[in-house]
């Protein structure tokens, strides 16, 4: 599975307006809804599920990155997006550092294997210093999309 298989390019947010974790989650979910990947009625239930998931254990894995994810009955097909914060957001990350890049993944409840495959792919790329660095430095949707496409063409190691 490639990143382009589930990253909704038009929903990418280059400069998050929200400055807190829950606001970031809401802003990203709303962007997916605004671009037709979710219904407006799905926004609040999915935000609540993500906040609940975060309260159980942060998805801020460190190095300036968080990967909030949830399986939810309102999600009909796997979808995700990427957002950048120039100010940094407190995600209660493992290293206690602010998060500058957020990669969101939403999956249907009936596709746990695909969810796991997508998460493994995300983490494989996010472990690479250069990928994280270029994501953080990207200043346009096009730069982020190019980076994602380039990552998809890079053989797994």
N, C-alpha and C. Protein backbone atom coordinates (compact mmCIF):
# COMPACT_ATOMS: atom_id res chain seq x y z
N UNK A 1 0.85 -1.18 0.00
CA UNK A 1 0.00 0.00 0.00
C UNK A 1 0.89 1.24 0.00
N UNK A 2 0.55 2.17 -0.85
CA UNK A 2 1.31 3.40 -0.96
C UNK A 2 0.65 4.51 -0.16
N UNK A 3 1.43 5.52 0.20
CA UNK A 3 0.88 6.68 0.90
C UNK A 3 -0.19 7.37 0.05
N UNK A 4 0.06 7.45 -1.26
CA UNK A 4 -0.91 8.10 -2.16
C UNK A 4 -2.24 7.36 -2.21
N UNK A 5 -2.26 6.10 -1.77
CA UNK A 5 -3.51 5.34 -1.76
C UNK A 5 -4.51 5.87 -0.74
N UNK A 6 -4.01 6.56 0.29
CA UNK A 6 -4.94 7.04 1.31
C UNK A 6 -4.77 8.50 1.70
N UNK A 7 -3.70 9.16 1.31
CA UNK A 7 -3.54 10.58 1.63
C UNK A 7 -4.39 11.40 0.67
N UNK A 8 -5.33 12.15 1.22
CA UNK A 8 -6.21 13.03 0.43
C UNK A 8 -5.46 14.34 0.18
N UNK A 9 -4.90 14.46 -1.01
CA UNK A 9 -4.02 15.58 -1.32
C UNK A 9 -4.68 16.94 -1.11
N UNK A 10 -5.94 17.07 -1.52
CA UNK A 10 -6.61 18.38 -1.41
C UNK A 10 -6.91 18.76 0.04
N UNK A 11 -6.89 17.78 0.93
CA UNK A 11 -7.18 18.05 2.35
C UNK A 11 -5.92 18.38 3.15
N UNK A 12 -4.76 18.37 2.49
CA UNK A 12 -3.50 18.70 3.18
C UNK A 12 -3.56 20.14 3.68
N UNK A 13 -3.07 20.35 4.89
CA UNK A 13 -3.05 21.69 5.49
C UNK A 13 -1.59 22.08 5.69
N UNK A 14 -1.18 23.11 4.98
CA UNK A 14 0.23 23.53 5.02
C UNK A 14 0.53 24.37 6.26
N UNK A 15 -0.46 25.09 6.75
CA UNK A 15 -0.23 25.95 7.92
C UNK A 15 -1.45 25.87 8.85
N UNK A 16 -1.37 24.95 9.80
CA UNK A 16 -2.46 24.79 10.76
C UNK A 16 -2.73 26.09 11.50
N UNK A 17 -3.99 26.40 11.70
CA UNK A 17 -4.37 27.57 12.49
C UNK A 17 -4.50 27.21 13.97
N UNK A 18 -4.89 25.97 14.23
CA UNK A 18 -5.07 25.51 15.61
C UNK A 18 -3.74 25.42 16.33
N UNK A 19 -3.78 25.70 17.62
CA UNK A 19 -2.56 25.66 18.42
C UNK A 19 -2.61 24.60 19.52
N UNK A 20 -3.72 23.85 19.59
CA UNK A 20 -3.82 22.77 20.59
C UNK A 20 -4.22 21.48 19.88
N UNK A 21 -3.93 20.36 20.52
CA UNK A 21 -4.15 19.04 19.94
C UNK A 21 -5.57 18.84 19.43
N UNK A 22 -6.56 19.09 20.27
CA UNK A 22 -7.94 18.83 19.86
C UNK A 22 -8.36 19.72 18.70
N UNK A 23 -7.88 20.95 18.70
CA UNK A 23 -8.17 21.86 17.60
C UNK A 23 -7.55 21.37 16.30
N UNK A 24 -6.34 20.85 16.39
CA UNK A 24 -5.66 20.30 15.21
C UNK A 24 -6.46 19.13 14.65
N UNK A 25 -6.89 18.23 15.53
CA UNK A 25 -7.68 17.08 15.08
C UNK A 25 -8.96 17.54 14.39
N UNK A 26 -9.65 18.49 14.97
CA UNK A 26 -10.89 19.03 14.39
C UNK A 26 -10.61 19.69 13.04
N UNK A 27 -9.55 20.48 12.97
CA UNK A 27 -9.21 21.17 11.72
C UNK A 27 -8.91 20.17 10.60
N UNK A 28 -8.21 19.10 10.93
CA UNK A 28 -7.87 18.10 9.92
C UNK A 28 -9.10 17.31 9.47
N UNK A 29 -9.95 16.93 10.42
CA UNK A 29 -11.17 16.20 10.07
C UNK A 29 -12.09 17.10 9.23
N UNK A 30 -12.18 18.36 9.60
CA UNK A 30 -13.01 19.30 8.85
C UNK A 30 -12.48 19.46 7.43
N UNK A 31 -11.17 19.46 7.26
CA UNK A 31 -10.58 19.56 5.93
C UNK A 31 -10.97 18.34 5.08
N UNK A 32 -10.94 17.17 5.68
CA UNK A 32 -11.38 15.97 4.95
C UNK A 32 -12.85 16.08 4.56
N UNK A 33 -13.69 16.61 5.45
CA UNK A 33 -15.11 16.79 5.14
C UNK A 33 -15.29 17.86 4.05
N UNK A 34 -14.55 18.94 4.16
CA UNK A 34 -14.66 20.03 3.18
C UNK A 34 -14.29 19.56 1.77
N UNK A 35 -13.47 18.53 1.68
CA UNK A 35 -13.03 18.04 0.38
C UNK A 35 -13.73 16.74 -0.01
N UNK A 36 -14.86 16.44 0.65
CA UNK A 36 -15.72 15.35 0.22
C UNK A 36 -15.35 13.96 0.68
N UNK A 37 -14.42 13.84 1.62
CA UNK A 37 -14.01 12.52 2.09
C UNK A 37 -14.82 12.04 3.28
N UNK A 38 -15.52 12.96 3.93
CA UNK A 38 -16.41 12.65 5.05
C UNK A 38 -17.63 13.55 4.91
N UNK A 39 -18.73 13.12 5.52
CA UNK A 39 -19.89 13.99 5.57
C UNK A 39 -19.74 14.97 6.73
N UNK A 40 -20.39 16.12 6.63
CA UNK A 40 -20.33 17.10 7.72
C UNK A 40 -20.82 16.50 9.03
N UNK A 41 -21.78 15.59 8.95
CA UNK A 41 -22.33 14.96 10.15
C UNK A 41 -21.34 13.98 10.79
N UNK A 42 -20.27 13.64 10.06
CA UNK A 42 -19.27 12.70 10.57
C UNK A 42 -18.17 13.39 11.38
N UNK A 43 -18.05 14.70 11.22
CA UNK A 43 -16.91 15.42 11.81
C UNK A 43 -16.86 15.24 13.33
N UNK A 44 -17.92 15.62 14.03
CA UNK A 44 -17.88 15.58 15.51
C UNK A 44 -17.70 14.17 16.07
N UNK A 45 -18.44 13.15 15.57
CA UNK A 45 -18.21 11.81 16.12
C UNK A 45 -16.77 11.30 15.91
N UNK A 46 -16.17 11.63 14.78
CA UNK A 46 -14.80 11.17 14.53
C UNK A 46 -13.81 11.97 15.37
N UNK A 47 -14.04 13.27 15.52
CA UNK A 47 -13.17 14.07 16.39
C UNK A 47 -13.23 13.51 17.82
N UNK A 48 -14.43 13.21 18.30
CA UNK A 48 -14.57 12.65 19.66
C UNK A 48 -13.80 11.34 19.79
N UNK A 49 -13.89 10.49 18.76
CA UNK A 49 -13.18 9.21 18.80
C UNK A 49 -11.66 9.42 18.81
N UNK A 50 -11.18 10.39 18.04
CA UNK A 50 -9.74 10.68 18.02
C UNK A 50 -9.27 11.24 19.35
N UNK A 51 -10.05 12.15 19.93
CA UNK A 51 -9.68 12.72 21.23
C UNK A 51 -9.65 11.62 22.29
N UNK A 52 -10.65 10.74 22.26
CA UNK A 52 -10.69 9.61 23.19
C UNK A 52 -9.43 8.75 23.01
N UNK A 53 -9.06 8.47 21.76
CA UNK A 53 -7.87 7.68 21.47
C UNK A 53 -6.62 8.37 22.00
N UNK A 54 -6.51 9.67 21.80
CA UNK A 54 -5.35 10.42 22.29
C UNK A 54 -5.29 10.42 23.81
N UNK A 55 -6.43 10.48 24.46
CA UNK A 55 -6.46 10.49 25.93
C UNK A 55 -6.01 9.15 26.51
N UNK A 56 -6.10 8.09 25.72
CA UNK A 56 -5.65 6.78 26.18
C UNK A 56 -4.14 6.62 26.02
N UNK A 57 -3.56 7.37 25.11
CA UNK A 57 -2.12 7.31 24.86
C UNK A 57 -1.80 8.15 23.66
N UNK A 58 -0.87 9.06 23.81
CA UNK A 58 -0.55 10.00 22.74
C UNK A 58 -0.03 9.29 21.50
N UNK A 59 -0.43 9.82 20.35
CA UNK A 59 0.10 9.34 19.08
C UNK A 59 1.28 10.21 18.63
N UNK A 60 1.72 11.11 19.51
CA UNK A 60 2.92 11.89 19.24
C UNK A 60 4.11 10.99 19.55
N UNK A 61 4.72 10.43 18.51
CA UNK A 61 5.77 9.45 18.77
C UNK A 61 7.14 10.09 18.93
N UNK A 62 7.22 11.40 18.81
CA UNK A 62 8.48 12.10 19.00
C UNK A 62 9.04 12.63 17.70
N UNK A 63 10.16 13.32 17.79
CA UNK A 63 10.85 13.87 16.63
C UNK A 63 9.97 14.86 15.85
N UNK A 64 9.03 15.50 16.57
CA UNK A 64 8.19 16.52 15.94
C UNK A 64 7.02 16.01 15.15
N UNK A 65 6.66 14.72 15.33
CA UNK A 65 5.62 14.10 14.52
C UNK A 65 4.57 13.42 15.40
N UNK A 66 3.31 13.53 14.96
CA UNK A 66 2.21 12.78 15.57
C UNK A 66 1.43 12.08 14.45
N UNK A 67 0.92 10.90 14.75
CA UNK A 67 0.15 10.13 13.78
C UNK A 67 -1.17 9.70 14.42
N UNK A 68 -2.10 10.65 14.61
CA UNK A 68 -3.40 10.27 15.16
C UNK A 68 -4.12 9.35 14.17
N UNK A 69 -4.75 8.33 14.72
CA UNK A 69 -5.43 7.36 13.86
C UNK A 69 -6.57 6.72 14.63
N UNK A 70 -7.60 6.34 13.88
CA UNK A 70 -8.74 5.67 14.51
C UNK A 70 -9.49 4.88 13.44
N UNK A 71 -10.07 3.76 13.89
CA UNK A 71 -11.01 3.01 13.05
C UNK A 71 -12.40 3.43 13.53
N UNK A 72 -13.27 3.79 12.58
CA UNK A 72 -14.57 4.32 12.95
C UNK A 72 -15.64 3.88 11.96
N UNK A 73 -16.83 3.58 12.48
CA UNK A 73 -17.92 3.08 11.63
C UNK A 73 -18.40 4.12 10.61
N UNK A 74 -18.14 5.39 10.83
CA UNK A 74 -18.57 6.43 9.88
C UNK A 74 -17.59 6.59 8.71
N UNK A 75 -16.43 5.96 8.82
CA UNK A 75 -15.44 6.04 7.75
C UNK A 75 -15.72 4.90 6.77
N UNK A 76 -15.97 5.27 5.51
CA UNK A 76 -16.33 4.26 4.50
C UNK A 76 -15.13 3.71 3.75
N UNK A 77 -14.08 4.48 3.65
CA UNK A 77 -12.86 4.04 2.97
C UNK A 77 -11.67 4.69 3.64
N UNK A 78 -10.55 3.98 3.69
CA UNK A 78 -9.37 4.53 4.35
C UNK A 78 -9.00 5.87 3.74
N UNK A 79 -8.74 6.83 4.61
CA UNK A 79 -8.37 8.17 4.16
C UNK A 79 -7.49 8.83 5.21
N UNK A 80 -6.63 9.68 4.74
CA UNK A 80 -5.77 10.40 5.66
C UNK A 80 -5.36 11.73 5.06
N UNK A 81 -4.69 12.51 5.86
CA UNK A 81 -4.15 13.77 5.38
C UNK A 81 -2.94 14.16 6.22
N UNK A 82 -2.28 15.20 5.80
CA UNK A 82 -1.07 15.68 6.46
C UNK A 82 -1.26 17.15 6.78
N UNK A 83 -0.77 17.56 7.95
CA UNK A 83 -0.85 18.98 8.31
C UNK A 83 0.47 19.40 8.95
N UNK A 84 0.81 20.66 8.75
CA UNK A 84 2.02 21.26 9.32
C UNK A 84 1.66 22.39 10.26
N UNK A 85 2.42 22.49 11.32
CA UNK A 85 2.28 23.61 12.24
C UNK A 85 3.63 24.32 12.32
N UNK A 86 3.64 25.59 12.03
CA UNK A 86 4.89 26.34 12.11
C UNK A 86 5.24 26.66 13.57
N UNK A 87 4.22 26.70 14.43
CA UNK A 87 4.43 27.04 15.84
C UNK A 87 4.71 25.83 16.72
N UNK A 88 4.26 24.68 16.28
CA UNK A 88 4.39 23.48 17.11
C UNK A 88 3.18 23.33 18.02
N UNK A 89 2.78 22.09 18.25
CA UNK A 89 1.59 21.78 19.05
C UNK A 89 1.97 20.75 20.10
N UNK A 90 1.44 20.92 21.31
CA UNK A 90 1.67 19.96 22.38
C UNK A 90 0.76 18.75 22.15
N UNK A 91 1.34 17.63 21.77
CA UNK A 91 0.60 16.38 21.57
C UNK A 91 0.92 15.39 22.67
N UNK A 92 1.58 15.85 23.75
CA UNK A 92 2.05 14.96 24.80
C UNK A 92 2.91 13.85 24.20
N UNK A 93 3.79 14.25 23.30
CA UNK A 93 4.66 13.30 22.60
C UNK A 93 5.59 12.59 23.58
N UNK A 94 6.05 11.44 23.17
CA UNK A 94 6.92 10.63 24.03
C UNK A 94 8.18 11.39 24.43
N UNK A 95 8.72 12.22 23.53
CA UNK A 95 9.93 12.98 23.86
C UNK A 95 9.60 14.36 24.43
N UNK A 96 8.33 14.63 24.66
CA UNK A 96 7.82 15.88 25.22
C UNK A 96 8.07 17.11 24.34
N UNK A 97 8.55 16.90 23.13
CA UNK A 97 8.81 18.00 22.20
C UNK A 97 7.53 18.37 21.45
N UNK A 98 7.43 19.61 20.99
CA UNK A 98 6.26 20.00 20.20
C UNK A 98 6.19 19.21 18.89
N UNK A 99 4.99 19.10 18.37
CA UNK A 99 4.75 18.41 17.10
C UNK A 99 4.57 19.46 16.01
N UNK A 100 5.27 19.27 14.91
CA UNK A 100 5.20 20.19 13.77
C UNK A 100 4.54 19.54 12.55
N UNK A 101 4.52 18.22 12.53
CA UNK A 101 3.91 17.48 11.42
C UNK A 101 2.93 16.48 11.99
N UNK A 102 1.70 16.52 11.47
CA UNK A 102 0.66 15.59 11.91
C UNK A 102 0.17 14.83 10.68
N UNK A 103 0.21 13.50 10.78
CA UNK A 103 -0.30 12.65 9.72
C UNK A 103 -1.49 11.89 10.30
N UNK A 104 -2.66 12.15 9.76
CA UNK A 104 -3.91 11.58 10.26
C UNK A 104 -4.32 10.39 9.39
N UNK A 105 -4.78 9.32 10.03
CA UNK A 105 -5.27 8.16 9.29
C UNK A 105 -6.61 7.72 9.88
N UNK A 106 -7.61 7.63 9.01
CA UNK A 106 -8.93 7.13 9.40
C UNK A 106 -9.22 5.88 8.59
N UNK A 107 -9.75 4.87 9.27
CA UNK A 107 -10.04 3.60 8.60
C UNK A 107 -11.42 3.11 8.97
N UNK A 108 -12.06 2.35 8.06
CA UNK A 108 -13.31 1.69 8.41
C UNK A 108 -13.04 0.62 9.47
N UNK A 109 -14.03 0.31 10.27
CA UNK A 109 -13.83 -0.68 11.32
C UNK A 109 -13.62 -2.09 10.76
N UNK A 110 -14.10 -2.32 9.53
CA UNK A 110 -14.02 -3.67 8.97
C UNK A 110 -12.76 -3.92 8.15
N UNK A 111 -11.76 -3.03 8.23
CA UNK A 111 -10.52 -3.22 7.49
C UNK A 111 -9.28 -3.09 8.39
N UNK A 112 -9.22 -3.87 9.47
CA UNK A 112 -8.09 -3.74 10.39
C UNK A 112 -6.74 -4.06 9.75
N UNK A 113 -6.71 -4.99 8.81
CA UNK A 113 -5.44 -5.35 8.16
C UNK A 113 -4.92 -4.20 7.30
N UNK A 114 -5.81 -3.55 6.58
CA UNK A 114 -5.40 -2.41 5.76
C UNK A 114 -4.93 -1.25 6.65
N UNK A 115 -5.61 -1.06 7.77
CA UNK A 115 -5.21 -0.01 8.72
C UNK A 115 -3.79 -0.27 9.20
N UNK A 116 -3.51 -1.50 9.58
CA UNK A 116 -2.18 -1.86 10.06
C UNK A 116 -1.13 -1.69 8.97
N UNK A 117 -1.46 -2.09 7.75
CA UNK A 117 -0.54 -1.95 6.63
C UNK A 117 -0.22 -0.47 6.37
N UNK A 118 -1.24 0.37 6.43
CA UNK A 118 -1.03 1.82 6.22
C UNK A 118 -0.18 2.40 7.34
N UNK A 119 -0.44 2.00 8.58
CA UNK A 119 0.35 2.50 9.71
C UNK A 119 1.82 2.08 9.58
N UNK A 120 2.05 0.84 9.19
CA UNK A 120 3.43 0.37 9.01
C UNK A 120 4.14 1.18 7.94
N UNK A 121 3.44 1.46 6.85
CA UNK A 121 4.02 2.25 5.77
C UNK A 121 4.34 3.67 6.26
N UNK A 122 3.40 4.29 6.96
CA UNK A 122 3.64 5.63 7.50
C UNK A 122 4.86 5.65 8.41
N UNK A 123 4.92 4.73 9.34
CA UNK A 123 6.03 4.72 10.29
C UNK A 123 7.37 4.43 9.61
N UNK A 124 7.35 3.59 8.59
CA UNK A 124 8.59 3.31 7.88
C UNK A 124 9.16 4.61 7.29
N UNK A 125 8.29 5.43 6.70
CA UNK A 125 8.76 6.69 6.12
C UNK A 125 9.09 7.72 7.19
N UNK A 126 8.26 7.79 8.23
CA UNK A 126 8.46 8.81 9.26
C UNK A 126 9.68 8.54 10.13
N UNK A 127 10.22 7.34 10.08
CA UNK A 127 11.46 7.04 10.81
C UNK A 127 12.67 7.66 10.11
N UNK A 128 12.51 8.01 8.84
CA UNK A 128 13.62 8.58 8.07
C UNK A 128 13.76 10.07 8.36
N UNK A 129 14.95 10.45 8.81
CA UNK A 129 15.20 11.85 9.15
C UNK A 129 14.92 12.79 7.99
N UNK A 130 15.33 12.40 6.79
CA UNK A 130 15.15 13.30 5.64
C UNK A 130 13.68 13.49 5.32
N UNK A 131 12.88 12.43 5.40
CA UNK A 131 11.45 12.55 5.11
C UNK A 131 10.80 13.51 6.10
N UNK A 132 11.08 13.33 7.40
CA UNK A 132 10.51 14.22 8.43
C UNK A 132 10.96 15.65 8.21
N UNK A 133 12.24 15.83 7.92
CA UNK A 133 12.79 17.17 7.73
C UNK A 133 12.12 17.87 6.54
N UNK A 134 12.00 17.17 5.42
CA UNK A 134 11.39 17.78 4.24
C UNK A 134 9.90 18.05 4.46
N UNK A 135 9.21 17.17 5.18
CA UNK A 135 7.80 17.44 5.50
C UNK A 135 7.69 18.73 6.30
N UNK A 136 8.52 18.84 7.30
CA UNK A 136 8.46 20.02 8.18
C UNK A 136 8.81 21.30 7.43
N UNK A 137 9.69 21.21 6.45
CA UNK A 137 10.13 22.40 5.72
C UNK A 137 9.24 22.74 4.52
N UNK A 138 8.33 21.85 4.16
CA UNK A 138 7.47 22.10 3.00
C UNK A 138 6.60 23.32 3.26
N UNK A 139 6.47 24.15 2.23
CA UNK A 139 5.69 25.38 2.38
C UNK A 139 4.48 25.41 1.46
N UNK A 140 4.24 24.31 0.73
CA UNK A 140 3.07 24.27 -0.14
C UNK A 140 2.53 22.84 -0.21
N UNK A 141 1.27 22.75 -0.58
CA UNK A 141 0.65 21.44 -0.77
C UNK A 141 1.42 20.65 -1.82
N UNK A 142 1.83 21.34 -2.88
CA UNK A 142 2.55 20.67 -3.97
C UNK A 142 3.85 20.04 -3.47
N UNK A 143 4.57 20.74 -2.60
CA UNK A 143 5.82 20.18 -2.07
C UNK A 143 5.54 18.93 -1.25
N UNK A 144 4.48 18.95 -0.46
CA UNK A 144 4.14 17.78 0.36
C UNK A 144 3.71 16.63 -0.54
N UNK A 145 2.90 16.90 -1.54
CA UNK A 145 2.44 15.86 -2.47
C UNK A 145 3.65 15.25 -3.20
N UNK A 146 4.56 16.10 -3.65
CA UNK A 146 5.77 15.60 -4.33
C UNK A 146 6.58 14.70 -3.40
N UNK A 147 6.71 15.10 -2.16
CA UNK A 147 7.46 14.31 -1.18
C UNK A 147 6.80 12.95 -0.95
N UNK A 148 5.48 12.94 -0.83
CA UNK A 148 4.74 11.70 -0.62
C UNK A 148 4.91 10.78 -1.82
N UNK A 149 4.79 11.34 -3.02
CA UNK A 149 4.96 10.53 -4.23
C UNK A 149 6.37 9.98 -4.34
N UNK A 150 7.35 10.80 -4.00
CA UNK A 150 8.74 10.34 -4.03
C UNK A 150 8.96 9.21 -3.01
N UNK A 151 8.36 9.35 -1.84
CA UNK A 151 8.48 8.30 -0.82
C UNK A 151 7.86 7.00 -1.32
N UNK A 152 6.75 7.09 -2.03
CA UNK A 152 6.10 5.89 -2.56
C UNK A 152 6.99 5.17 -3.59
N UNK A 153 7.84 5.93 -4.28
CA UNK A 153 8.71 5.33 -5.30
C UNK A 153 9.99 4.75 -4.70
N UNK A 154 10.27 5.09 -3.43
CA UNK A 154 11.47 4.60 -2.77
C UNK A 154 11.24 3.18 -2.30
N UNK A 155 12.13 2.26 -2.66
CA UNK A 155 11.95 0.86 -2.24
C UNK A 155 11.99 0.73 -0.71
N UNK A 156 11.19 -0.19 -0.20
CA UNK A 156 11.17 -0.45 1.25
C UNK A 156 12.51 -1.02 1.67
N UNK A 157 12.93 -0.65 2.88
CA UNK A 157 14.21 -1.15 3.40
C UNK A 157 14.00 -1.84 4.70
